[in-house]
Amino acid sequence: MKTVAFFNNKGGVGKTTLVYHLAWMLADKGIKTLVADLDPQANLTAMFLDEDRLEQLWPDGEHPDTIYGAIRPILRGVGDILSPHVERFGDNLSLIPGDLGLSSFEDKLSDAWPRCHDGDESAFRIITAFHRVIEAGAAIVDAQIVLIDVGPNLGAINRAALIASDYVVLPLAPDLFSLQGLKNLGPKLREWRQSWNDRLTKAPQDISMPKDPNRKKP
């Protein structure tokens, strides 16, 4: 199973639309595809589902059937991730629905990042929450590939999402801003990957950790 994140720190480049259509194309080719909406705006989820279903997923109170519901125990500090709910669209396409409440996870992730240097197990559980939810969701539907949609920023949520990805696709618009943005994105992504690899040396052995697919094995 491979995970691919679609990311750009500039909005409006067609990133979410690309993920949506690519997911359907892969599914039509017979490839079991899981889509994970890790953008707190949840636009991708809104593309997949009608308003009646969205109202069921996002009622007043708890949201157990979204990505937010799966990480809710970690956010509250009362437990670990829950098995995620997946929405199925035929045999080959599934979705872990997004949630506007996901933005509240930003501070928790920011606080946990430096504590990983100390080998803090709870910090590693927080940072790897997305990775482990996606891994569990992929196991439920036997996914061959996971497409991950994230928001247009360089915050802690996206750092955790991109760490959880084997590969990153950077959709671009044909403008000067996109070209200039690449000069910032490349170094930042390399910095995050290297920082994570440094932290992995102190990680607990009984927690599933995202690994760099390009990292040479010792």
Protein backbone atom coordinates (compact mmCIF):
# COMPACT_ATOMS: atom_id res chain seq x y z
CA MET A 1 0.00 0.00 0.00
CA LYS A 2 1.35 3.41 -1.04
CA THR A 3 0.27 6.80 0.28
CA VAL A 4 0.38 9.94 -1.85
CA ALA A 5 -0.31 13.43 -0.47
CA PHE A 6 -1.37 16.33 -2.69
CA PHE A 7 -0.07 19.59 -1.34
CA ASN A 8 0.61 23.20 -2.22
CA ASN A 9 0.84 26.18 0.13
CA LYS A 10 -1.12 28.19 -2.44
CA GLY A 11 -4.85 27.67 -2.69
CA GLY A 12 -6.86 27.59 -5.90
CA VAL A 13 -4.50 25.41 -7.95
CA GLY A 14 -7.03 22.60 -8.39
CA LYS A 15 -5.47 20.26 -5.83
CA THR A 16 -8.71 18.93 -4.34
CA THR A 17 -10.36 18.57 -7.74
CA LEU A 18 -7.35 16.63 -8.97
CA VAL A 19 -7.53 14.23 -6.01
CA TYR A 20 -11.25 13.69 -6.58
CA HIS A 21 -10.97 12.83 -10.27
CA LEU A 22 -7.78 10.81 -9.89
CA ALA A 23 -9.44 8.71 -7.18
CA TRP A 24 -12.34 7.85 -9.48
CA MET A 25 -9.97 7.12 -12.37
CA LEU A 26 -7.89 4.72 -10.28
CA ALA A 27 -11.03 3.02 -9.00
CA ASP A 28 -12.34 2.63 -12.55
CA LYS A 29 -9.03 0.94 -13.41
CA GLY A 30 -9.73 -1.66 -10.73
CA ILE A 31 -7.26 -0.22 -8.21
CA LYS A 32 -8.59 -0.27 -4.67
CA THR A 33 -8.30 3.38 -3.65
CA LEU A 34 -8.79 5.08 -0.29
CA VAL A 35 -9.05 8.87 -0.03
CA ALA A 36 -8.22 10.61 3.26
CA ASP A 37 -9.46 14.18 3.68
CA LEU A 38 -7.01 15.84 6.09
CA ASP A 39 -7.88 19.39 5.07
CA PRO A 40 -9.83 21.08 7.92
CA GLN A 41 -11.93 22.81 5.24
CA ALA A 42 -13.18 19.32 4.18
CA ASN A 43 -13.87 20.44 0.61
CA LEU A 44 -13.01 17.01 -0.78
CA THR A 45 -15.57 15.35 1.47
CA ALA A 46 -18.16 17.82 0.24
CA MET A 47 -17.35 16.82 -3.34
CA PHE A 48 -17.91 13.13 -2.62
CA LEU A 49 -21.05 13.39 -0.49
CA ASP A 50 -24.40 15.14 -0.79
CA GLU A 51 -25.69 17.59 1.81
CA ASP A 52 -27.97 15.09 3.50
CA ARG A 53 -25.05 12.76 4.20
CA LEU A 54 -22.86 15.66 5.32
CA GLU A 55 -25.50 16.66 7.86
CA GLN A 56 -25.38 13.12 9.25
CA LEU A 57 -21.58 13.17 9.46
CA TRP A 58 -21.37 16.66 11.00
CA PRO A 59 -24.23 16.87 13.53
CA ASP A 60 -24.19 19.01 16.64
CA GLY A 61 -22.02 17.24 19.19
CA GLU A 62 -19.67 14.35 18.44
CA HIS A 63 -18.61 13.33 14.93
CA PRO A 64 -17.64 9.64 15.26
CA ASP A 65 -17.69 8.92 11.52
CA THR A 66 -15.02 11.44 10.43
CA ILE A 67 -11.26 11.76 10.74
CA TYR A 68 -11.90 14.01 13.72
CA GLY A 69 -13.86 11.25 15.44
CA ALA A 70 -11.00 8.79 14.89
CA ILE A 71 -8.45 11.07 16.61
CA ARG A 72 -10.85 12.49 19.22
CA PRO A 73 -9.52 10.38 22.17
CA ILE A 74 -5.98 11.64 21.50
CA LEU A 75 -7.20 15.21 21.23
CA ARG A 76 -8.96 14.88 24.60
CA GLY A 77 -5.98 13.08 26.15
CA VAL A 78 -8.09 10.08 27.17
CA GLY A 79 -6.89 7.36 24.80
CA ASP A 80 -5.49 6.44 21.42
CA ILE A 81 -6.96 6.53 17.92
CA LEU A 82 -10.19 4.74 17.08
CA SER A 83 -10.82 2.57 14.05
CA PRO A 84 -11.91 5.00 11.33
CA HIS A 85 -15.24 4.96 9.55
CA VAL A 86 -14.93 4.72 5.76
CA GLU A 87 -17.52 5.76 3.22
CA ARG A 88 -17.65 3.29 0.31
CA PHE A 89 -18.40 4.15 -3.32
CA GLY A 90 -18.54 0.76 -4.99
CA ASP A 91 -15.91 -1.94 -4.61
CA ASN A 92 -12.77 0.09 -5.34
CA LEU A 93 -13.23 3.55 -3.83
CA SER A 94 -13.56 4.64 -0.21
CA LEU A 95 -13.23 7.84 1.79
CA ILE A 96 -12.19 8.75 5.32
CA PRO A 97 -14.38 11.85 5.66
CA GLY A 98 -12.88 15.16 6.68
CA ASP A 99 -14.14 17.45 9.42
CA LEU A 100 -14.01 21.18 10.11
CA GLY A 101 -13.18 20.34 13.72
CA LEU A 102 -9.82 18.95 12.64
CA SER A 103 -8.27 22.42 12.98
CA SER A 104 -8.36 22.00 16.78
CA PHE A 105 -5.67 19.31 16.42
CA GLU A 106 -3.09 21.87 15.26
CA ASP A 107 -1.92 22.96 18.73
CA LYS A 108 -1.69 19.38 19.97
CA LEU A 109 0.54 18.45 17.05
CA SER A 110 2.72 21.53 17.50
CA ASP A 111 3.26 20.73 21.17
CA ALA A 112 4.10 17.07 20.49
CA TRP A 113 6.69 17.69 17.76
CA PRO A 114 9.59 18.83 20.01
CA ARG A 115 8.72 16.27 22.71
CA CYS A 116 9.49 13.45 20.28
CA HIS A 117 13.16 14.38 20.72
CA ASP A 118 12.84 13.21 24.32
CA GLY A 119 11.40 9.85 23.29
CA ASP A 120 7.99 10.79 24.73
CA GLU A 121 5.62 7.96 23.76
CA SER A 122 2.50 10.11 23.98
CA ALA A 123 4.10 12.64 21.62
CA PHE A 124 4.81 9.92 19.06
CA ARG A 125 1.22 8.68 19.32
CA ILE A 126 0.00 12.20 18.54
CA ILE A 127 2.35 12.80 15.62
CA THR A 128 1.59 9.39 14.07
CA ALA A 129 -2.18 9.59 14.58
CA PHE A 130 -2.90 10.34 10.90
CA HIS A 131 -0.52 7.62 9.74
CA ARG A 132 -2.15 5.02 11.97
CA VAL A 133 -5.72 6.05 11.11
CA ILE A 134 -4.89 5.84 7.40
CA GLU A 135 -3.18 2.50 7.92
CA ALA A 136 -6.26 1.16 9.72
CA GLY A 137 -8.62 2.53 7.07
CA ALA A 138 -6.55 0.99 4.29
CA ALA A 139 -6.68 -2.38 6.04
CA ILE A 140 -10.49 -2.20 6.29
CA VAL A 141 -10.93 -1.77 2.52
CA ASP A 142 -7.74 -3.55 1.42
CA ALA A 143 -6.57 -0.38 -0.33
CA GLN A 144 -3.67 -0.50 -2.75
CA ILE A 145 -3.20 3.26 -2.75
CA VAL A 146 -4.23 6.10 -0.47
CA LEU A 147 -4.64 9.65 -1.77
CA ILE A 148 -4.37 12.34 0.91
CA ASP A 149 -5.74 15.84 0.53
CA VAL A 150 -4.34 18.57 2.78
CA GLY A 151 -4.88 22.31 3.17
CA PRO A 152 -2.79 25.12 1.63
CA ASN A 153 -0.44 25.95 4.51
CA LEU A 154 2.76 24.88 6.26
CA GLY A 155 1.18 24.16 9.65
CA ALA A 156 1.51 21.23 12.03
CA ILE A 157 -1.47 19.32 10.59
CA ASN A 158 0.11 19.29 7.16
CA ARG A 159 3.50 18.36 8.57
CA ALA A 160 1.96 15.28 10.23
CA ALA A 161 -0.01 14.45 7.07
CA LEU A 162 3.02 14.71 4.79
CA ILE A 163 5.16 12.66 7.16
CA ALA A 164 2.47 9.98 6.88
CA SER A 165 2.87 9.97 3.08
CA ASP A 166 5.25 7.94 0.96
CA TYR A 167 5.12 10.51 -1.82
CA VAL A 168 4.02 14.12 -2.29
CA VAL A 169 2.48 15.62 -5.44
CA LEU A 170 2.64 19.41 -5.85
CA PRO A 171 -0.09 20.63 -8.23
CA LEU A 172 0.84 24.01 -9.70
CA ALA A 173 -0.92 26.87 -11.42
CA PRO A 174 0.79 28.45 -14.46
CA ASP A 175 1.81 31.62 -12.63
CA LEU A 176 4.88 33.23 -11.06
CA PHE A 177 3.65 32.68 -7.49
CA SER A 178 3.58 28.91 -7.94
CA LEU A 179 7.08 28.87 -9.40
CA GLN A 180 8.44 31.02 -6.60
CA GLY A 181 6.63 28.91 -4.04
CA LEU A 182 8.56 25.83 -5.12
CA LYS A 183 11.73 27.48 -3.80
CA ASN A 184 10.20 27.43 -0.31
CA LEU A 185 8.35 24.12 -0.50
CA GLY A 186 11.27 21.93 -1.50
CA PRO A 187 13.55 22.91 1.41
CA LYS A 188 10.65 22.81 3.89
CA LEU A 189 9.61 19.30 2.87
CA ARG A 190 13.20 18.07 3.07
CA GLU A 191 13.55 19.68 6.50
CA TRP A 192 10.40 17.96 7.79
CA ARG A 193 11.49 14.58 6.44
CA GLN A 194 14.98 14.88 7.91
CA SER A 195 13.63 16.06 11.26
CA TRP A 196 11.26 13.09 11.36
CA ASN A 197 14.03 10.64 10.49
CA ASP A 198 16.06 12.07 13.38
CA ARG A 199 13.14 11.54 15.75
CA LEU A 200 12.59 7.96 14.58
CA THR A 201 15.79 6.90 16.35
CA LYS A 202 14.02 7.63 19.65
CA ALA A 203 10.61 6.23 18.74
CA PRO A 204 8.91 3.41 20.68
CA GLN A 205 9.10 0.08 18.88
CA ASP A 206 5.49 -0.95 19.48
CA ILE A 207 3.88 1.96 17.61
CA SER A 208 3.52 1.93 13.81
CA MET A 209 5.69 4.72 12.43
CA PRO A 210 5.73 6.24 8.94
CA LYS A 211 9.08 5.59 7.31
CA ASP A 212 10.80 7.43 4.48
CA PRO A 213 10.47 5.09 1.45
CA ASN A 214 13.69 6.53 0.01
CA ARG A 215 15.69 6.03 3.17
CA LYS A 216 18.31 3.33 2.86
CA LYS A 217 17.96 0.47 5.29
CA PRO A 218 20.93 -0.03 7.63
